[in-house]
Amino acid sequence: MSITDLKFNIDRDSTTPLWLQIRNELFNCLYRDELRPGQLIPNEKTLVELFNVSIGTIRKAVGVLEKEGFLIRKQGLGTFVFQHDNSSFLFEYFHFALNGSDEKQIPTVEFISFDTKKATKDEAAELGISPRSPVFQILNKIGLNKKFYIVDRIVIDQNKFPGLTEDIFKNRSNTIYNLYQNKYNIFITNCSEKLKAITADEKIAKLLNIPLHEPILKINRIGQTYHNETIELRTSYVHTSDIEYIHSHNSTFGEAI
């Protein structure tokens, strides 16, 4: 069913601005999977007719969803639902650049290991599964300019990724989030991060070829779907000798206090 076949509830007497009501209605289409990753949304003329509002109102609603990262405009082609690929990973999820540069590069990724284990109590609580449920634990090294600076530890629920194997993971043709999206119909849309300064233990020091107890950055990232379902726990151990953490955030509904 196309969203042009749906009925939308726009209240013209509400104190909520029309553009925000339309933004919320379109977001609900994403939430309910009525708009899918990579799908072209209706053009402005169609949306004007669908919601019976001005083109300026439509442009503001769609523009907000673009700023939030849910839609992406492609010159000459139209506006599409965001989907994961190399360029989106670089823009949305890879927050590192070489010292003195704001230009992000596609990183080098080296596979380390793919294991099955039982979820710890904390992992189970974050993933919404029973303690000691089976999970996959994956380790990668990530580098820039022919040097590795990051070790990623990824934990995901086995039951959400039936049939996933080391070969499938290693031989994917695109990013990890692209694999989740295209093979398992799981779309990561929200990520939260917590950062802390620690020192490298023996394993991390060896993987990154740095001294034991060298200062590093620990980043815990939780990846969730539109439905706020936690899919992935990722811990990054970052040696920031030659790289910097860079993250831009657009405020849509006003300035932060």
Protein backbone atom coordinates (compact mmCIF):
# COMPACT_ATOMS: atom_id res chain seq x y z
CA MET A 1 0.00 0.00 0.00
CA SER A 2 1.27 3.46 -0.91
CA ILE A 3 1.10 6.21 1.71
CA THR A 4 -1.08 8.11 -0.78
CA ASP A 5 -3.78 5.54 0.06
CA LEU A 6 -3.65 6.36 3.77
CA LYS A 7 -5.79 8.75 5.78
CA PHE A 8 -3.90 11.23 7.94
CA ASN A 9 -5.16 13.01 11.04
CA ILE A 10 -4.24 16.68 10.70
CA ASP A 11 -5.92 18.95 13.27
CA ARG A 12 -6.06 22.52 11.97
CA ASP A 13 -7.31 23.78 15.34
CA SER A 14 -4.42 22.28 17.27
CA THR A 15 -1.72 24.41 18.86
CA THR A 16 0.80 21.99 17.30
CA PRO A 17 2.05 23.58 14.04
CA LEU A 18 0.88 21.91 10.83
CA TRP A 19 4.45 21.23 9.71
CA LEU A 20 5.16 19.34 12.94
CA GLN A 21 1.95 17.31 12.66
CA ILE A 22 2.94 16.33 9.10
CA ARG A 23 6.49 15.52 10.23
CA ASN A 24 5.00 13.23 12.89
CA GLU A 25 2.61 11.56 10.43
CA LEU A 26 5.45 10.85 8.00
CA PHE A 27 7.62 9.54 10.83
CA ASN A 28 4.77 7.22 11.84
CA CYS A 29 4.82 5.85 8.28
CA LEU A 30 8.48 4.99 8.82
CA TYR A 31 7.69 3.50 12.23
CA ARG A 32 4.93 1.30 10.79
CA ASP A 33 7.13 0.25 7.83
CA GLU A 34 4.78 1.94 5.36
CA LEU A 35 7.88 3.72 4.10
CA ARG A 36 10.95 1.51 3.77
CA PRO A 37 14.71 2.23 3.60
CA GLY A 38 15.68 3.41 0.13
CA GLN A 39 12.09 4.13 -0.89
CA LEU A 40 11.27 7.31 -2.81
CA ILE A 41 8.68 9.37 -0.95
CA PRO A 42 5.89 11.15 -2.86
CA ASN A 43 6.90 14.45 -4.47
CA GLU A 44 5.98 17.82 -2.99
CA LYS A 45 2.93 18.31 -5.22
CA THR A 46 1.50 14.94 -4.14
CA LEU A 47 2.18 15.66 -0.46
CA VAL A 48 0.50 19.08 -0.77
CA GLU A 49 -2.61 17.37 -2.13
CA LEU A 50 -2.41 14.54 0.41
CA PHE A 51 -2.27 16.83 3.45
CA ASN A 52 -4.07 19.82 1.91
CA VAL A 53 -1.47 22.32 3.07
CA SER A 54 0.89 24.79 1.43
CA ILE A 55 4.12 23.74 -0.26
CA GLY A 56 6.05 25.72 2.36
CA THR A 57 4.54 23.60 5.13
CA ILE A 58 5.48 20.41 3.30
CA ARG A 59 9.03 21.62 2.70
CA LYS A 60 9.48 22.42 6.39
CA ALA A 61 8.14 19.01 7.52
CA VAL A 62 10.30 17.11 5.02
CA GLY A 63 13.29 19.33 5.77
CA VAL A 64 13.07 18.48 9.46
CA LEU A 65 13.06 14.74 8.70
CA GLU A 66 16.13 15.30 6.52
CA LYS A 67 17.94 17.10 9.34
CA GLU A 68 17.02 14.30 11.70
CA GLY A 69 18.59 11.83 9.29
CA PHE A 70 15.43 9.89 8.38
CA LEU A 71 15.18 11.21 4.81
CA ILE A 72 17.83 12.11 2.26
CA ARG A 73 17.44 14.34 -0.80
CA LYS A 74 19.17 13.27 -4.03
CA GLN A 75 19.60 16.04 -6.57
CA GLY A 76 17.44 15.43 -9.64
CA LEU A 77 15.99 12.20 -8.26
CA GLY A 78 13.82 13.17 -5.30
CA THR A 79 13.73 12.48 -1.56
CA PHE A 80 14.32 8.98 -0.26
CA VAL A 81 14.09 7.17 3.06
CA PHE A 82 17.58 6.94 4.51
CA GLN A 83 19.30 3.59 4.09
CA HIS A 84 22.67 2.34 5.28
CA ASP A 85 25.65 2.27 2.92
CA ASN A 86 29.28 3.36 3.02
CA SER A 87 28.50 7.05 2.63
CA SER A 88 25.78 7.05 5.28
CA PHE A 89 28.07 5.22 7.70
CA LEU A 90 30.74 7.85 7.21
CA PHE A 91 28.26 10.70 7.72
CA GLU A 92 26.15 9.36 10.58
CA TYR A 93 28.20 6.85 12.56
CA PHE A 94 31.94 7.24 11.99
CA HIS A 95 32.99 10.20 14.10
CA PHE A 96 36.74 10.23 13.58
CA ALA A 97 39.18 12.16 11.44
CA LEU A 98 42.94 12.61 11.44
CA ASN A 99 44.26 15.35 13.74
CA GLY A 100 43.83 18.81 12.28
CA SER A 101 41.29 17.72 9.66
CA ASP A 102 37.49 17.71 9.64
CA GLU A 103 37.46 15.52 6.53
CA LYS A 104 36.27 12.00 7.26
CA GLN A 105 37.68 9.08 5.29
CA ILE A 106 36.25 5.63 4.65
CA PRO A 107 38.08 3.60 7.31
CA THR A 108 39.96 0.35 6.83
CA VAL A 109 38.26 -2.53 8.69
CA GLU A 110 40.09 -5.70 9.69
CA PHE A 111 38.10 -8.65 11.02
CA ILE A 112 39.42 -10.20 14.25
CA SER A 113 36.91 -12.74 15.54
CA PHE A 114 33.30 -13.97 15.45
CA ASP A 115 32.19 -15.96 18.50
CA THR A 116 29.08 -17.34 20.16
CA LYS A 117 28.66 -16.79 23.88
CA LYS A 118 26.05 -16.38 26.60
CA ALA A 119 24.83 -12.85 27.31
CA THR A 120 25.97 -11.30 30.55
CA LYS A 121 23.37 -9.89 32.91
CA ASP A 122 24.05 -6.33 31.70
CA GLU A 123 24.04 -7.31 28.01
CA ALA A 124 20.78 -9.21 28.44
CA ALA A 125 19.16 -6.23 30.15
CA GLU A 126 20.24 -3.85 27.36
CA LEU A 127 19.12 -6.21 24.57
CA GLY A 128 15.85 -7.14 26.27
CA ILE A 129 16.63 -10.86 26.40
CA SER A 130 17.02 -13.43 29.17
CA PRO A 131 20.37 -13.67 30.95
CA ARG A 132 22.68 -16.23 29.37
CA SER A 133 20.74 -16.15 26.08
CA PRO A 134 22.99 -16.85 23.07
CA VAL A 135 24.61 -13.81 21.49
CA PHE A 136 27.21 -13.18 18.82
CA GLN A 137 30.33 -11.29 19.86
CA ILE A 138 32.34 -9.77 17.02
CA LEU A 139 35.68 -7.97 17.14
CA ASN A 140 37.01 -5.67 14.41
CA LYS A 141 39.95 -3.31 14.10
CA ILE A 142 39.40 0.04 12.36
CA GLY A 143 42.09 2.21 10.89
CA LEU A 144 42.87 5.35 8.96
CA ASN A 145 45.84 6.10 6.74
CA LYS A 146 47.22 2.53 7.05
CA LYS A 147 47.28 2.58 10.86
CA PHE A 148 44.77 1.00 13.26
CA TYR A 149 43.34 3.17 16.04
CA ILE A 150 40.08 1.48 17.07
CA VAL A 151 38.94 -1.93 18.31
CA ASP A 152 35.19 -2.49 18.05
CA ARG A 153 33.44 -5.12 20.16
CA ILE A 154 29.91 -5.84 18.91
CA VAL A 155 27.26 -7.90 20.73
CA ILE A 156 23.96 -8.87 19.06
CA ASP A 157 21.15 -11.30 19.90
CA GLN A 158 21.53 -14.54 17.91
CA ASN A 159 17.77 -14.97 17.68
CA LYS A 160 17.42 -11.74 15.70
CA PHE A 161 20.02 -12.86 13.15
CA PRO A 162 19.16 -16.45 12.21
CA GLY A 163 21.71 -18.09 9.96
CA LEU A 164 24.36 -15.43 10.50
CA THR A 165 27.83 -16.96 10.21
CA GLU A 166 31.39 -15.76 10.30
CA ASP A 167 31.61 -16.13 6.50
CA ILE A 168 28.47 -14.05 5.94
CA PHE A 169 29.74 -11.36 8.27
CA LYS A 170 33.28 -11.27 6.87
CA ASN A 171 32.21 -11.36 3.23
CA ARG A 172 29.48 -8.72 3.40
CA SER A 173 29.65 -6.29 0.49
CA ASN A 174 28.88 -3.16 2.50
CA THR A 175 28.69 -1.92 6.09
CA ILE A 176 27.50 -3.93 9.10
CA TYR A 177 24.32 -1.84 9.35
CA ASN A 178 23.72 -2.46 5.64
CA LEU A 179 23.95 -6.21 6.35
CA TYR A 180 21.39 -5.90 9.15
CA GLN A 181 19.11 -3.93 6.84
CA ASN A 182 19.30 -5.96 3.63
CA LYS A 183 19.58 -9.50 4.96
CA TYR A 184 17.58 -9.30 8.18
CA ASN A 185 15.22 -6.37 7.59
CA ILE A 186 16.56 -4.68 10.72
CA PHE A 187 17.11 -0.95 10.36
CA ILE A 188 19.24 0.93 12.89
CA THR A 189 17.94 4.50 13.16
CA ASN A 190 18.95 5.72 16.61
CA CYS A 191 22.29 5.50 18.37
CA SER A 192 23.28 6.77 21.79
CA GLU A 193 26.87 6.95 22.97
CA LYS A 194 28.66 7.24 26.29
CA LEU A 195 32.35 8.20 26.34
CA LYS A 196 34.91 7.58 29.06
CA ALA A 197 38.69 7.87 29.33
CA ILE A 198 40.37 4.62 30.43
CA THR A 199 43.71 2.85 29.99
CA ALA A 200 44.39 0.01 27.58
CA ASP A 201 44.38 -3.50 29.01
CA GLU A 202 46.68 -6.19 27.70
CA LYS A 203 44.34 -7.38 24.92
CA ILE A 204 43.56 -3.91 23.54
CA ALA A 205 47.20 -2.81 23.82
CA LYS A 206 48.30 -5.82 21.79
CA LEU A 207 45.62 -5.36 19.11
CA LEU A 208 46.45 -1.67 18.64
CA ASN A 209 50.19 -2.11 19.14
CA ILE A 210 50.34 0.45 21.93
CA PRO A 211 51.89 0.37 25.40
CA LEU A 212 50.01 -1.36 28.21
CA HIS A 213 47.94 1.15 30.23
CA GLU A 214 48.18 3.76 27.44
CA PRO A 215 45.29 6.29 27.75
CA ILE A 216 42.44 5.47 25.36
CA LEU A 217 38.81 6.47 24.82
CA LYS A 218 36.05 3.96 25.53
CA ILE A 219 32.78 4.55 23.67
CA ASN A 220 29.66 2.51 24.45
CA ARG A 221 27.09 2.75 21.66
CA ILE A 222 23.54 1.38 21.72
CA GLY A 223 21.92 0.94 18.30
CA GLN A 224 18.12 0.94 18.09
CA THR A 225 15.36 0.72 15.49
CA TYR A 226 12.50 3.15 14.78
CA HIS A 227 10.61 1.18 17.45
CA ASN A 228 13.30 1.90 20.07
CA GLU A 229 14.23 -1.78 20.10
CA THR A 230 17.88 -2.26 21.04
CA ILE A 231 19.64 -4.35 18.38
CA GLU A 232 23.35 -3.83 18.89
CA LEU A 233 25.74 -3.12 21.74
CA ARG A 234 29.04 -1.76 20.47
CA THR A 235 32.09 -0.84 22.55
CA SER A 236 34.87 1.03 20.77
CA TYR A 237 38.35 1.31 22.27
CA VAL A 238 40.04 4.26 20.61
CA HIS A 239 43.68 5.33 20.68
CA THR A 240 43.44 9.04 19.91
CA SER A 241 47.13 9.75 19.31
CA ASP A 242 46.56 10.77 15.69
CA ILE A 243 42.78 11.04 15.41
CA GLU A 244 40.01 13.21 16.84
CA TYR A 245 36.37 12.53 17.70
CA ILE A 246 34.11 14.77 15.57
CA HIS A 247 30.35 14.76 15.86
CA SER A 248 27.91 17.34 14.49
CA HIS A 249 24.32 17.48 15.69
CA ASN A 250 21.46 19.48 14.23
CA SER A 251 18.92 20.82 16.73
CA THR A 252 15.50 20.73 15.09
CA PHE A 253 13.17 22.03 17.77
CA GLY A 254 15.27 24.81 19.25
CA GLU A 255 18.60 25.50 20.84
CA ALA A 256 19.89 23.31 23.64
CA ILE A 257 19.81 24.84 27.10
